[in-house]
């Protein structure tokens, strides 16, 4: 056991914990206040799995949570004002091995929140544990994680709204979300919302009439296609830099400059396709041309008609308009969990010929572009490029 107090010297809580980032295989962290996501980013970059529990009340920073929710191998849960614990548990090895030495744990408990003040500046005292006491503390952290609530993009949206209006008075309890998305879709949703918030002024100026989610989706296309040759360089910058937000905004500036040189503003075209799709689903019948237009909606590209003509033809010839309307209206039915709808469209009787998993996942982003982001292989590749995937 070791006791450490942040003081004016070089010995700080941050310096003590830093070697554990590379040492561990997984981390379970409980902190009442969370304002600094740098440590979680470091853990994920080194391939560690992370469980994080925070208190959803000021001064916990929404933007830090949004960045963390965009990362792979990270589970984030929340509690309210009842949470005061601070536990930093790092584990390594096979917990279920017959040999006790195959599983090691190092844990810190004390007064430090996951903030710059808690880790470096404030006078904080923490106890560093090893062996069985550290394992006991890890179990306590896991128990808190189990009773906490999943932090979804919808819950975080409501926290952001309340946080923006907070004025040192009463802060309302944030409740569990009724909207349940898959873990991967949650990650995409948070990444899109994070980029949209960083670049909101640019989006509003250049695309004032187009939903933010559609603009960000086309920004993904820019990263994956136009910057294909720079991908490794961007990935290295994202990995090395301490402020990924600066890099994202810089790349978004470059995207705007390239898009301004095009005669056709493709995000605006995407929105026109979106509105047309909504109109098609209200009809009782679809012509073959309309069925083809429906199919092409899910294959976003400035040159979509040229690239997907044969697939669109197969979609029209091998599906009836009744099948198309029945299946897509089921996919649009928000009384059913979205993950169930996506699954239903991939099996009979709702499966449509030539409509693959990627297009099915994209559908709700096209139909409700102010509510759902578009999720496809392109978005996954873009997030990986930015160090979020």
Protein backbone atom coordinates (compact mmCIF):
# COMPACT_ATOMS: atom_id res chain seq x y z
CA UNK A 1 0.00 0.00 0.00
CA UNK A 2 1.19 3.50 -0.80
CA UNK A 3 -0.29 6.87 0.12
CA UNK A 4 0.22 9.74 -2.31
CA UNK A 5 -0.80 13.37 -1.95
CA UNK A 6 -0.64 15.88 -4.79
CA UNK A 7 1.72 18.57 -3.63
CA UNK A 8 4.02 21.18 -5.08
CA UNK A 9 6.65 18.58 -5.96
CA UNK A 10 6.82 16.21 -8.90
CA UNK A 11 4.95 13.36 -7.20
CA UNK A 12 1.35 13.54 -8.37
CA UNK A 13 -1.54 11.14 -8.74
CA UNK A 14 -1.25 11.41 -12.54
CA UNK A 15 2.43 10.51 -12.52
CA UNK A 16 1.74 7.50 -10.29
CA UNK A 17 -1.05 6.15 -12.48
CA UNK A 18 0.61 6.80 -15.85
CA UNK A 19 2.61 3.51 -16.05
CA UNK A 20 -0.58 1.52 -15.44
CA UNK A 21 -2.00 2.59 -18.81
CA UNK A 22 0.49 0.38 -20.64
CA UNK A 23 0.64 -2.25 -17.90
CA UNK A 24 -3.03 -3.16 -17.72
CA UNK A 25 -5.36 -5.08 -20.04
CA UNK A 26 -8.52 -3.42 -18.74
CA UNK A 27 -9.58 -0.56 -16.52
CA UNK A 28 -12.70 0.02 -14.44
CA UNK A 29 -12.98 3.63 -13.34
CA UNK A 30 -15.53 5.27 -11.07
CA UNK A 31 -15.36 9.03 -10.68
CA UNK A 32 -17.95 11.46 -9.38
CA UNK A 33 -16.78 14.27 -11.66
CA UNK A 34 -15.35 13.73 -15.14
CA UNK A 35 -13.91 16.63 -17.11
CA UNK A 36 -10.71 15.23 -18.69
CA UNK A 37 -11.01 12.39 -21.24
CA UNK A 38 -7.30 12.26 -22.11
CA UNK A 39 -6.69 9.22 -19.90
CA UNK A 40 -9.54 7.23 -21.42
CA UNK A 41 -8.24 8.09 -24.89
CA UNK A 42 -4.77 6.85 -23.97
CA UNK A 43 -6.14 3.56 -22.67
CA UNK A 44 -8.18 2.96 -25.82
CA UNK A 45 -5.31 3.91 -28.14
CA UNK A 46 -3.21 1.23 -26.45
CA UNK A 47 -5.92 -1.37 -27.02
CA UNK A 48 -7.29 -1.59 -23.50
CA UNK A 49 -10.95 -2.13 -22.65
CA UNK A 50 -12.51 0.48 -20.37
CA UNK A 51 -15.53 0.67 -18.10
CA UNK A 52 -16.35 4.13 -16.80
CA UNK A 53 -18.97 5.35 -14.32
CA UNK A 54 -19.58 9.08 -13.82
CA UNK A 55 -22.00 11.30 -11.97
CA UNK A 56 -24.19 13.10 -14.48
CA UNK A 57 -24.13 16.53 -12.89
CA UNK A 58 -21.88 19.61 -13.13
CA UNK A 59 -18.95 19.94 -13.40
CA UNK A 60 -18.88 16.71 -15.46
CA UNK A 61 -18.26 17.99 -19.00
CA UNK A 62 -20.63 16.83 -21.75
CA UNK A 63 -18.08 17.25 -24.54
CA UNK A 64 -15.60 14.98 -22.74
CA UNK A 65 -18.29 12.32 -22.42
CA UNK A 66 -19.23 12.68 -26.09
CA UNK A 67 -15.64 12.01 -27.15
CA UNK A 68 -15.40 8.95 -24.90
CA UNK A 69 -18.69 7.55 -26.19
CA UNK A 70 -17.23 7.70 -29.71
CA UNK A 71 -14.44 5.26 -28.78
CA UNK A 72 -14.35 1.53 -29.27
CA UNK A 73 -13.97 -0.91 -26.35
CA UNK A 74 -15.45 1.63 -23.95
CA UNK A 75 -18.59 1.27 -21.85
CA UNK A 76 -19.89 4.35 -20.06
CA UNK A 77 -22.59 4.39 -17.38
CA UNK A 78 -23.95 7.10 -15.10
CA UNK A 79 -25.45 7.79 -11.72
CA UNK A 80 -26.74 11.01 -10.17
CA UNK A 81 -25.77 13.09 -7.17
CA UNK A 82 -25.55 9.97 -5.00
CA UNK A 83 -22.21 9.02 -6.60
CA UNK A 84 -19.15 10.26 -4.69
CA UNK A 85 -16.75 7.30 -5.09
CA UNK A 86 -13.40 7.58 -6.84
CA UNK A 87 -11.93 4.20 -7.80
CA UNK A 88 -9.26 3.61 -10.46
CA UNK A 89 -8.85 -0.13 -10.98
CA UNK A 90 -6.39 -1.61 -13.48
CA UNK A 91 -6.29 -5.36 -14.13
CA UNK A 92 -3.97 -7.59 -16.10
CA UNK A 93 -4.03 -11.26 -17.06
CA UNK A 94 -6.53 -14.12 -16.85
CA UNK A 95 -8.95 -13.58 -14.00
CA UNK A 96 -10.26 -17.15 -14.26
CA UNK A 97 -6.93 -18.93 -14.32
CA UNK A 98 -6.23 -21.67 -11.79
CA UNK A 99 -3.00 -19.88 -10.97
CA UNK A 100 -3.57 -16.87 -8.77
CA UNK A 101 -0.47 -15.10 -10.09
CA UNK A 102 -1.93 -15.06 -13.62
CA UNK A 103 -4.26 -12.23 -12.63
CA UNK A 104 -2.92 -9.01 -11.17
CA UNK A 105 -4.66 -5.85 -10.11
CA UNK A 106 -3.54 -2.38 -9.06
CA UNK A 107 -6.13 0.05 -7.75
CA UNK A 108 -6.25 3.58 -6.38
CA UNK A 109 -8.98 4.93 -4.12
CA UNK A 110 -9.12 8.38 -2.59
CA UNK A 111 -10.26 11.92 -3.23
CA UNK A 112 -9.20 12.55 -6.86
CA UNK A 113 -11.87 12.98 -9.50
CA UNK A 114 -10.90 12.46 -13.15
CA UNK A 115 -10.14 16.14 -13.69
CA UNK A 116 -6.91 18.05 -14.24
CA UNK A 117 -7.24 19.41 -10.72
CA UNK A 118 -7.80 15.97 -9.23
CA UNK A 119 -4.87 14.41 -11.05
CA UNK A 120 -2.30 17.21 -10.89
CA UNK A 121 -3.19 20.52 -9.24
CA UNK A 122 -5.43 20.08 -6.21
CA UNK A 123 -4.21 18.81 -2.85
CA UNK A 124 -5.68 15.31 -3.10
CA UNK A 125 -4.83 12.14 -1.19
CA UNK A 126 -5.14 8.64 -2.62
CA UNK A 127 -4.19 5.13 -1.51
CA UNK A 128 -2.54 2.83 -4.06
CA UNK A 129 -3.30 -0.87 -3.53
CA UNK A 130 -1.90 -4.13 -4.87
CA UNK A 131 -2.71 -7.80 -4.31
CA UNK A 132 -5.99 -8.85 -2.70
CA UNK A 133 -6.92 -5.35 -1.44
CA UNK A 134 -6.64 -4.08 -5.02
CA UNK A 135 -8.83 -6.95 -6.25
CA UNK A 136 -11.42 -6.13 -3.58
CA UNK A 137 -11.47 -2.51 -4.73
CA UNK A 138 -11.87 -3.66 -8.36
CA UNK A 139 -14.89 -5.71 -7.30
CA UNK A 140 -16.39 -2.62 -5.63
CA UNK A 141 -15.92 -0.65 -8.84
CA UNK A 142 -17.59 -3.42 -10.84
CA UNK A 143 -20.54 -3.47 -8.46
CA UNK A 144 -21.05 0.26 -8.94
CA UNK A 145 -20.83 -0.24 -12.71
CA UNK A 146 -23.54 -2.91 -12.58
CA UNK A 147 -26.05 -0.71 -10.74
CA UNK A 148 -25.35 2.34 -12.93
CA UNK A 149 -27.36 3.24 -16.05
CA UNK A 150 -26.14 3.10 -19.65
CA UNK A 151 -25.12 6.51 -20.95
CA UNK A 152 -26.71 6.71 -24.41
CA UNK A 153 -26.46 9.52 -26.94
CA UNK A 154 -30.08 10.41 -26.12
CA UNK A 155 -29.34 10.74 -22.38
CA UNK A 156 -26.27 12.83 -23.14
CA UNK A 157 -28.35 15.12 -25.36
CA UNK A 158 -30.64 15.83 -22.40
CA UNK A 159 -27.68 16.37 -20.08
CA UNK A 160 -26.18 18.87 -22.55
CA UNK A 161 -29.46 20.79 -22.63
CA UNK A 162 -29.68 20.99 -18.84
CA UNK A 163 -25.96 21.72 -18.50
CA UNK A 164 -26.22 24.68 -20.90
CA UNK A 165 -28.90 26.24 -18.69
CA UNK A 166 -27.25 25.49 -15.35
CA UNK A 167 -26.57 28.49 -13.12
CA UNK A 168 -25.17 27.20 -9.83
CA UNK A 169 -28.61 26.24 -8.59
CA UNK A 170 -30.69 23.09 -8.60
CA UNK A 171 -29.67 20.54 -11.22
CA UNK A 172 -32.40 18.07 -12.26
CA UNK A 173 -31.94 14.32 -12.23
CA UNK A 174 -31.19 12.87 -15.67
CA UNK A 175 -33.14 9.67 -16.26
CA UNK A 176 -32.58 6.55 -18.33
CA UNK A 177 -33.40 6.80 -22.02
CA UNK A 178 -36.31 4.90 -23.60
CA UNK A 179 -34.36 4.83 -26.88
CA UNK A 180 -32.10 1.81 -27.18
CA UNK A 181 -29.56 1.54 -30.01
CA UNK A 182 -26.90 -1.09 -30.54
CA UNK A 183 -23.48 -0.37 -29.06
CA UNK A 184 -21.92 0.24 -32.48
CA UNK A 185 -24.73 2.56 -33.56
CA UNK A 186 -24.41 4.47 -30.28
CA UNK A 187 -20.73 5.00 -31.01
CA UNK A 188 -21.49 6.32 -34.50
CA UNK A 189 -24.26 8.59 -33.20
CA UNK A 190 -21.97 10.14 -30.61
CA UNK A 191 -19.14 10.63 -33.11
CA UNK A 192 -21.47 12.38 -35.56
CA UNK A 193 -22.91 14.61 -32.83
CA UNK A 194 -19.41 15.44 -31.61
CA UNK A 195 -18.22 16.53 -35.07
CA UNK A 196 -21.45 18.46 -35.64
CA UNK A 197 -20.98 20.39 -32.39
CA UNK A 198 -17.34 21.19 -33.21
CA UNK A 199 -18.22 22.47 -36.69
CA UNK A 200 -21.71 23.85 -36.13
CA UNK A 201 -20.81 27.37 -37.22
CA UNK A 202 -19.31 26.12 -40.50
CA UNK A 203 -22.27 23.86 -41.20
CA UNK A 204 -24.77 26.62 -40.46
CA UNK A 205 -22.99 29.06 -42.76
CA UNK A 206 -22.34 26.76 -45.73
CA UNK A 207 -25.36 24.44 -45.45
CA UNK A 208 -28.04 26.45 -43.61
CA UNK A 209 -30.95 24.35 -44.91
CA UNK A 210 -29.42 20.88 -44.61
CA UNK A 211 -29.52 18.68 -41.47
CA UNK A 212 -26.16 18.47 -39.72
CA UNK A 213 -26.09 14.68 -39.78
CA UNK A 214 -26.17 14.61 -43.59
CA UNK A 215 -23.33 17.12 -43.83
CA UNK A 216 -21.21 15.09 -41.43
CA UNK A 217 -21.94 11.94 -43.44
CA UNK A 218 -20.57 13.65 -46.54
CA UNK A 219 -17.56 14.77 -44.48
CA UNK A 220 -16.94 11.05 -43.80
CA UNK A 221 -16.96 10.53 -47.58
CA UNK A 222 -14.35 13.27 -47.92
CA UNK A 223 -12.08 11.58 -45.37
CA UNK A 224 -12.45 8.10 -46.85
CA UNK A 225 -12.38 8.96 -50.57
CA UNK A 226 -10.79 12.38 -51.18
CA UNK A 227 -8.16 11.97 -48.44
CA UNK A 228 -7.50 8.29 -49.09
CA UNK A 229 -3.85 8.96 -49.80
CA UNK A 230 -3.43 10.91 -46.56
CA UNK A 231 -5.18 8.38 -44.36
CA UNK A 232 -2.08 7.02 -42.60
CA UNK A 233 -0.76 10.53 -41.96
CA UNK A 234 -4.10 11.64 -40.48
CA UNK A 235 -4.22 8.53 -38.29
CA UNK A 236 -0.74 9.27 -36.96
CA UNK A 237 -1.66 12.88 -36.24
CA UNK A 238 -4.81 11.78 -34.43
CA UNK A 239 -2.82 9.29 -32.39
CA UNK A 240 0.01 11.66 -31.51
CA UNK A 241 -1.99 14.81 -30.87
CA UNK A 242 -3.43 15.77 -27.50
CA UNK A 243 -6.31 17.68 -29.04
CA UNK A 244 -8.19 15.69 -31.67
CA UNK A 245 -10.83 18.44 -31.82
CA UNK A 246 -8.35 20.79 -33.49
CA UNK A 247 -7.52 18.15 -36.11
CA UNK A 248 -11.20 17.43 -36.82
CA UNK A 249 -12.01 21.10 -37.30
CA UNK A 250 -8.97 21.59 -39.55
CA UNK A 251 -10.07 18.67 -41.74
CA UNK A 252 -13.60 20.02 -41.84
CA UNK A 253 -12.26 23.35 -43.12
CA UNK A 254 -10.48 21.43 -45.90
CA UNK A 255 -13.71 19.58 -46.69
CA UNK A 256 -15.64 22.84 -46.98
CA UNK A 257 -13.02 24.27 -49.34
CA UNK A 258 -13.22 21.21 -51.60
CA UNK A 259 -17.02 21.14 -51.57
CA UNK A 260 -17.23 24.84 -52.44
CA UNK A 261 -15.45 24.09 -55.73
CA UNK A 262 -18.14 21.65 -56.84
CA UNK A 263 -21.04 22.83 -58.97
CA UNK A 264 -23.44 20.50 -57.17
CA UNK A 265 -23.78 20.80 -53.39
CA UNK A 266 -24.11 17.14 -52.58
CA UNK A 267 -25.34 17.46 -48.95
CA UNK A 268 -28.25 19.50 -50.30
CA UNK A 269 -28.92 16.73 -52.82
CA UNK A 270 -28.86 14.21 -49.98
CA UNK A 271 -31.55 16.17 -48.18
CA UNK A 272 -33.68 16.27 -51.33
CA UNK A 273 -33.35 12.48 -51.59
CA UNK A 274 -34.33 12.19 -47.93
CA UNK A 275 -37.52 14.17 -48.37
CA UNK A 276 -38.39 12.24 -51.52
CA UNK A 277 -37.93 8.93 -49.67
CA UNK A 278 -40.38 10.04 -46.98
CA UNK A 279 -42.89 10.90 -49.68
CA UNK A 280 -42.49 7.51 -51.41
CA UNK A 281 -43.27 5.63 -48.18
CA UNK A 282 -46.60 7.44 -47.89
CA UNK A 283 -47.74 6.20 -51.30
CA UNK A 284 -49.92 3.14 -51.87
CA UNK A 285 -47.98 2.07 -54.97
CA UNK A 286 -44.54 2.63 -56.49
CA UNK A 287 -43.61 2.70 -60.14
CA UNK A 288 -40.44 0.95 -61.29
CA UNK A 289 -38.69 4.29 -61.61
CA UNK A 290 -39.72 5.18 -58.06
CA UNK A 291 -38.51 1.83 -56.76
CA UNK A 292 -35.17 2.45 -58.45
CA UNK A 293 -34.98 5.91 -56.88
CA UNK A 294 -35.71 4.39 -53.46
CA UNK A 295 -32.82 1.93 -53.88
CA UNK A 296 -30.38 4.61 -55.05
CA UNK A 297 -31.18 6.72 -51.97
CA UNK A 298 -29.26 4.23 -49.83
CA UNK A 299 -26.08 4.45 -51.88
CA UNK A 300 -24.88 7.96 -51.22
CA UNK A 301 -22.47 9.17 -53.86
CA UNK A 302 -22.23 12.12 -56.18
CA UNK A 303 -22.12 9.55 -58.99
CA UNK A 304 -24.64 7.10 -57.52
CA UNK A 305 -26.64 6.61 -60.72
CA UNK A 306 -23.57 5.42 -62.63
CA UNK A 307 -22.16 3.15 -59.95
CA UNK A 308 -25.32 1.30 -58.88
CA UNK A 309 -27.43 1.09 -62.05
CA UNK A 310 -27.29 -2.73 -62.34
CA UNK A 311 -28.01 -3.30 -58.65
CA UNK A 312 -30.94 -0.90 -58.81
CA UNK A 313 -32.27 -2.81 -61.81
CA UNK A 314 -32.10 -6.10 -59.88
CA UNK A 315 -33.84 -4.49 -56.91
CA UNK A 316 -36.71 -3.34 -59.15
CA UNK A 317 -37.05 -6.63 -61.04
CA UNK A 318 -36.90 -9.00 -58.07
CA UNK A 319 -39.03 -7.13 -55.51
CA UNK A 320 -42.65 -6.09 -55.85
CA UNK A 321 -43.69 -2.58 -54.85
CA UNK A 322 -45.83 -4.17 -52.09
CA UNK A 323 -42.78 -5.94 -50.67
CA UNK A 324 -40.77 -2.72 -50.77
CA UNK A 325 -43.43 -0.62 -49.08
CA UNK A 326 -44.20 -3.27 -46.44
CA UNK A 327 -40.56 -3.87 -45.52
CA UNK A 328 -39.44 -0.24 -45.52
CA UNK A 329 -42.45 0.96 -43.55
CA UNK A 330 -41.61 -1.72 -40.98
CA UNK A 331 -38.06 -0.41 -40.89
CA UNK A 332 -39.48 3.07 -40.31
CA UNK A 333 -41.84 2.01 -37.48
CA UNK A 334 -40.49 3.74 -34.37
CA UNK A 335 -42.80 1.80 -32.06
CA UNK A 336 -40.34 -1.09 -32.59
CA UNK A 337 -36.78 -1.05 -31.25
CA UNK A 338 -34.48 0.04 -34.09
CA UNK A 339 -32.10 -2.88 -33.60
CA UNK A 340 -35.06 -5.26 -34.00
CA UNK A 341 -36.16 -3.49 -37.19
CA UNK A 342 -32.69 -3.72 -38.69
CA UNK A 343 -32.54 -7.42 -37.82
CA UNK A 344 -36.02 -8.08 -39.25
CA UNK A 345 -35.05 -6.67 -42.66
CA UNK A 346 -32.23 -9.19 -42.95
CA UNK A 347 -34.46 -12.26 -42.84
CA UNK A 348 -37.69 -13.50 -44.37
CA UNK A 349 -40.43 -12.44 -44.84
CA UNK A 350 -39.19 -8.81 -44.80
CA UNK A 351 -35.84 -9.31 -46.51
CA UNK A 352 -35.62 -7.49 -49.86
CA UNK A 353 -33.52 -8.73 -52.76
CA UNK A 354 -30.37 -6.60 -53.38
CA UNK A 355 -30.82 -4.59 -50.20
CA UNK A 356 -27.82 -5.43 -48.03
CA UNK A 357 -27.02 -4.87 -44.38
CA UNK A 358 -25.25 -1.57 -45.00
CA UNK A 359 -28.26 -0.08 -46.82
CA UNK A 360 -30.61 -1.33 -44.11
CA UNK A 361 -28.52 0.37 -41.43
CA UNK A 362 -28.49 3.60 -43.45
CA UNK A 363 -32.25 3.73 -43.94
CA UNK A 364 -33.33 5.57 -40.79
CA UNK A 365 -30.56 8.12 -41.23
CA UNK A 366 -31.99 8.97 -44.63
CA UNK A 367 -35.63 8.96 -43.52
CA UNK A 368 -35.10 10.93 -40.28
CA UNK A 369 -31.85 12.87 -40.81
CA UNK A 370 -32.45 15.16 -37.82
CA UNK A 371 -32.83 12.19 -35.48
CA UNK A 372 -30.59 9.39 -36.76
CA UNK A 373 -27.11 9.58 -38.29
CA UNK A 374 -26.27 7.44 -41.31
CA UNK A 375 -24.29 4.37 -40.30
CA UNK A 376 -22.31 2.41 -42.89
CA UNK A 377 -18.84 1.10 -43.69
CA UNK A 378 -17.76 4.60 -44.72
CA UNK A 379 -18.51 6.04 -41.29
CA UNK A 380 -16.59 3.20 -39.62
CA UNK A 381 -13.54 3.90 -41.81
CA UNK A 382 -13.72 7.63 -41.17
CA UNK A 383 -13.81 7.14 -37.40
CA UNK A 384 -10.85 4.79 -37.59
CA UNK A 385 -8.94 7.46 -39.53
CA UNK A 386 -9.70 10.02 -36.82
CA UNK A 387 -8.57 7.65 -34.07
CA UNK A 388 -12.11 7.09 -32.82
CA UNK A 389 -12.62 3.68 -34.36
